[in-house]
Protein backbone atom coordinates (compact mmCIF):
# COMPACT_ATOMS: atom_id res chain seq x y z
CA MET A 1 0.02 0.02 -0.02
CA THR A 2 1.32 3.48 -0.91
CA GLN A 3 2.12 5.60 2.06
CA PRO A 4 0.02 8.83 2.12
CA GLN A 5 1.94 12.04 1.65
CA GLY A 6 2.19 14.72 4.28
CA ARG A 7 0.63 18.27 3.85
CA LEU A 8 2.81 21.27 3.38
CA TYR A 9 1.85 24.35 5.32
CA GLY A 10 3.15 27.95 4.70
CA LEU A 11 2.68 29.46 8.08
CA GLY A 12 2.55 33.21 8.41
CA ILE A 13 3.83 33.97 11.96
CA GLY A 14 3.53 37.79 11.95
CA PRO A 15 6.05 40.51 12.41
CA GLY A 16 7.64 39.48 15.71
CA ASP A 17 5.20 39.63 18.54
CA PRO A 18 4.19 36.07 19.41
CA GLU A 19 0.70 37.35 20.43
CA LEU A 20 0.11 38.30 16.92
CA LEU A 21 0.14 34.75 15.80
CA THR A 22 -3.32 33.77 14.44
CA LEU A 23 -5.34 30.95 16.14
CA LYS A 24 -5.06 28.90 13.03
CA ALA A 25 -1.32 29.28 12.80
CA HIS A 26 -0.99 28.40 16.45
CA ARG A 27 -3.06 25.27 15.99
CA ILE A 28 -1.04 24.09 13.03
CA LEU A 29 2.30 24.97 14.62
CA THR A 30 1.67 23.00 17.69
CA SER A 31 0.24 19.94 16.07
CA VAL A 32 2.44 19.19 12.95
CA PRO A 33 5.30 16.60 13.42
CA ALA A 34 7.80 18.77 11.54
CA ILE A 35 8.58 22.55 11.19
CA ALA A 36 10.99 24.22 8.84
CA TYR A 37 12.44 27.73 9.11
CA PRO A 38 15.10 29.96 7.42
CA THR A 39 18.41 30.45 9.08
CA MET A 40 20.61 33.42 8.32
CA GLU A 41 24.26 33.27 7.31
CA SER A 42 25.06 34.80 10.64
CA GLY A 43 23.35 31.81 12.37
CA LYS A 44 20.35 33.82 13.53
CA VAL A 45 16.92 32.13 13.31
CA LEU A 46 14.37 34.92 13.64
CA ALA A 47 11.32 32.91 12.57
CA ARG A 48 12.00 30.15 15.08
CA ALA A 49 12.74 32.69 17.87
CA ILE A 50 9.25 34.34 17.41
CA VAL A 51 7.40 31.10 18.15
CA ALA A 52 10.09 29.25 20.19
CA SER A 53 7.78 28.95 23.28
CA PHE A 54 5.20 27.00 21.08
CA ILE A 55 7.55 24.40 19.71
CA ARG A 56 7.46 20.98 21.30
CA PRO A 57 10.55 18.89 21.98
CA GLU A 58 9.30 15.96 19.93
CA GLN A 59 8.74 17.97 16.75
CA ILE A 60 11.28 17.59 14.03
CA GLU A 61 13.12 20.81 13.06
CA ILE A 62 14.37 21.39 9.49
CA PRO A 63 16.62 24.35 9.37
CA MET A 64 16.86 26.16 5.87
CA PRO A 65 20.20 27.94 5.55
CA LEU A 66 19.53 30.88 3.19
CA PRO A 67 21.77 33.81 1.98
CA PHE A 68 20.23 37.22 2.76
CA SER A 69 22.39 39.17 0.30
CA VAL A 70 21.72 40.07 -3.20
CA GLU A 71 25.27 39.16 -4.24
CA ARG A 72 24.67 35.47 -3.70
CA SER A 73 22.12 33.47 -5.63
CA SER A 74 19.50 31.86 -3.41
CA GLN A 75 18.28 29.28 -5.94
CA PRO A 76 20.49 26.30 -4.84
CA TYR A 77 19.61 27.08 -1.18
CA TYR A 78 15.95 26.86 -1.84
CA ASP A 79 16.44 23.81 -4.01
CA ARG A 80 18.09 21.99 -1.07
CA ALA A 81 15.57 23.23 1.39
CA ALA A 82 12.66 22.12 -0.84
CA GLU A 83 14.08 18.64 -1.18
CA ASP A 84 14.77 18.32 2.56
CA ILE A 85 11.13 19.27 3.13
CA ALA A 86 9.84 16.88 0.35
CA ARG A 87 11.60 13.98 2.02
CA HIS A 88 9.57 14.44 5.11
CA LEU A 89 6.31 15.03 3.17
CA SER A 90 7.03 11.91 0.98
CA GLU A 91 7.33 9.88 4.34
CA GLY A 92 3.89 11.03 5.35
CA ARG A 93 4.78 13.84 7.76
CA ASP A 94 3.05 17.19 7.60
CA VAL A 95 5.54 20.12 7.53
CA ALA A 96 4.88 23.70 8.47
CA VAL A 97 7.33 26.17 7.04
CA LEU A 98 7.61 29.21 9.19
CA CYS A 99 7.53 32.67 7.49
CA GLU A 100 7.85 36.03 9.26
CA GLY A 101 4.96 38.35 8.25
CA ASP A 102 2.72 37.01 5.48
CA PRO A 103 3.96 34.02 3.34
CA MET A 104 2.83 35.60 0.05
CA LEU A 105 4.08 39.18 0.60
CA TYR A 106 7.93 39.11 0.11
CA GLY A 107 7.87 35.89 2.10
CA SER A 108 10.59 33.27 1.92
CA PHE A 109 7.93 30.57 1.82
CA MET A 110 6.92 31.67 -1.73
CA TYR A 111 10.06 29.95 -3.11
CA ILE A 112 9.30 26.72 -1.30
CA PHE A 113 5.69 26.98 -2.55
CA ASN A 114 6.85 27.35 -6.23
CA ARG A 115 8.99 24.16 -5.88
CA LEU A 116 6.59 21.91 -3.98
CA ALA A 117 2.92 23.03 -4.29
CA SER A 118 2.52 21.06 -7.55
CA ARG A 119 3.82 17.82 -5.80
CA PHE A 120 2.09 17.94 -2.42
CA GLU A 121 -1.14 19.17 -0.89
CA THR A 122 -0.44 22.73 0.24
CA GLU A 123 -2.09 25.26 2.58
CA VAL A 124 -1.03 28.82 3.14
CA VAL A 125 -1.94 30.47 6.39
CA PRO A 126 -1.90 34.31 6.10
CA GLY A 127 -0.01 36.29 8.66
CA ILE A 128 0.21 39.96 9.76
CA SER A 129 2.78 41.72 7.58
CA SER A 130 5.40 43.89 9.20
CA THR A 131 4.40 46.61 6.76
CA PHE A 132 0.82 46.88 8.29
CA ALA A 133 2.05 46.21 11.82
CA SER A 134 4.53 49.20 11.37
CA ALA A 135 1.62 51.47 10.61
CA ALA A 136 -0.13 50.41 13.73
CA MET A 137 2.99 50.89 15.87
CA LEU A 138 3.53 54.28 14.40
CA GLY A 139 -0.01 55.34 14.70
CA ALA A 140 -0.11 56.40 11.12
CA PRO A 141 -3.14 55.75 8.92
CA LEU A 142 -1.83 54.72 5.60
CA THR A 143 -4.60 55.31 3.14
CA TYR A 144 -7.92 56.96 2.77
CA ARG A 145 -10.70 56.53 0.30
CA ASN A 146 -9.07 56.18 -3.24
CA ASP A 147 -5.46 56.33 -2.16
CA VAL A 148 -3.15 53.78 -3.72
CA LEU A 149 -0.51 52.13 -1.54
CA SER A 150 2.87 51.22 -2.98
CA ILE A 151 5.19 48.73 -1.16
CA MET A 152 8.80 48.74 -2.57
CA PRO A 153 12.08 47.22 -1.48
CA ALA A 154 15.01 49.56 -0.86
CA THR A 155 17.09 47.30 -2.97
CA LEU A 156 15.74 48.99 -6.18
CA ASP A 157 18.09 51.16 -8.03
CA ARG A 158 17.88 54.84 -7.25
CA GLU A 159 16.10 55.94 -10.46
CA THR A 160 13.39 53.27 -10.14
CA LEU A 161 12.91 54.03 -6.48
CA ARG A 162 12.52 57.66 -7.31
CA ASP A 163 10.03 57.14 -10.07
CA ARG A 164 7.93 54.90 -7.98
CA LEU A 165 7.85 57.22 -4.96
CA ALA A 166 7.17 60.25 -7.05
CA VAL A 167 3.73 58.87 -8.08
CA ALA A 168 2.72 57.09 -4.86
CA ASP A 169 -0.16 58.38 -2.75
CA ALA A 170 1.32 56.45 0.17
CA ALA A 171 4.38 54.20 0.29
CA ILE A 172 6.31 51.76 2.37
CA VAL A 173 9.97 51.12 1.65
CA ILE A 174 11.20 47.81 3.19
CA LYS A 175 14.57 46.01 3.56
CA LEU A 176 16.38 49.29 4.39
CA GLY A 177 19.71 47.98 5.84
CA ARG A 178 22.66 49.44 3.94
CA HIS A 179 20.30 51.13 1.45
CA PHE A 180 19.05 53.65 3.87
CA ALA A 181 21.34 56.45 2.69
CA LYS A 182 20.02 56.03 -0.90
CA VAL A 183 16.37 55.94 0.31
CA LYS A 184 16.92 59.14 2.43
CA ALA A 185 18.46 61.02 -0.52
CA VAL A 186 15.53 60.13 -2.66
CA LEU A 187 12.98 61.25 -0.06
CA GLU A 188 14.77 64.57 0.26
CA GLU A 189 14.87 65.02 -3.53
CA LEU A 190 11.18 64.33 -3.75
CA ASP A 191 10.30 66.61 -0.75
CA LEU A 192 8.86 63.60 1.09
CA PHE A 193 11.40 63.65 4.00
CA SER A 194 9.12 65.61 6.33
CA ARG A 195 6.35 62.97 5.87
CA ALA A 196 8.62 60.01 6.17
CA LEU A 197 8.35 57.88 9.36
CA TYR A 198 11.02 55.31 10.50
CA ILE A 199 10.73 52.08 12.54
CA GLU A 200 12.86 49.00 12.90
CA ARG A 201 11.90 45.52 14.10
CA ALA A 202 8.23 46.41 14.52
CA THR A 203 6.42 44.58 17.41
CA MET A 204 9.57 42.92 18.53
CA PRO A 205 10.95 43.45 22.10
CA ASN A 206 13.78 45.60 20.51
CA GLN A 207 11.51 47.66 18.36
CA ARG A 208 12.69 51.26 17.86
CA ILE A 209 10.84 54.28 16.46
CA ARG A 210 13.07 57.26 15.65
CA SER A 211 12.90 60.51 13.78
CA ILE A 212 14.25 59.74 10.40
CA ALA A 213 16.55 62.77 10.60
CA GLU A 214 18.37 61.28 13.55
CA VAL A 215 19.06 57.81 12.05
CA ALA A 216 22.60 57.03 11.30
CA PRO A 217 22.86 55.03 8.01
CA GLU A 218 25.44 52.59 9.50
CA GLU A 219 23.03 51.58 12.23
CA VAL A 220 20.05 50.64 10.11
CA PRO A 221 19.14 46.97 10.14
CA TYR A 222 17.63 44.91 7.39
CA TRP A 223 14.39 44.75 9.44
CA ALA A 224 13.76 48.42 9.23
CA LEU A 225 11.32 50.35 6.99
CA VAL A 226 10.22 53.82 6.06
CA LEU A 227 6.52 54.65 5.86
CA VAL A 228 5.29 57.72 3.85
CA PRO A 229 1.53 58.05 4.79
CA SER A 230 -1.02 59.53 2.61
CA GLN A 231 -1.65 63.29 2.66
CA THR A 232 -5.38 62.73 2.14
CA ARG A 233 -7.46 63.84 5.12
CA PRO A 234 -10.85 62.22 5.93
CA GLN A 235 -13.86 64.36 5.91
């Protein structure tokens, strides 16, 4: 008799505060036999750290080493991670892949999804994105009425970033890190600097909200973003 395959879950675990985990994500996380999560080149395991208190000792853990730098191709890393996960699924074990924020919004799970969803039964559990959590932490309404929100990575080249910001009603620039100086210069060029709000590690214990004018470029982490809220005012 053929052994039934396991089910693949893409688990959105939110921006950092464990209390922002959805009930559904918590149920799946605490019941599956195996969990997978990205690990950074530095050895940090942010996704696992967010939900560490919910992980049971008997659960199988599948680390996924991934490069978080544009200079290195991530394809072979995702290929290896997908095959590690596929082995457990083929042996009949359900696997939940942890993903910070929402799995389908700049989420690392998308690359696992693209490799395995056609081979295994898959369910994606939405999570709270750091982009929207940041607006809540900053107390900044993003959009009103017919406003259009643009989300863009700071890794864009300067011209593209400037062109996108120039036409945005409201914008969120993510993945700041070493690109902060470029983003700051573009905001100043477009006269958006006075509207821009800065936050890093939203909802985490080490969250920081600072005046963007006081931020030193060399201190900006990858998990930081700039929010430019709408100028529209509700009636």
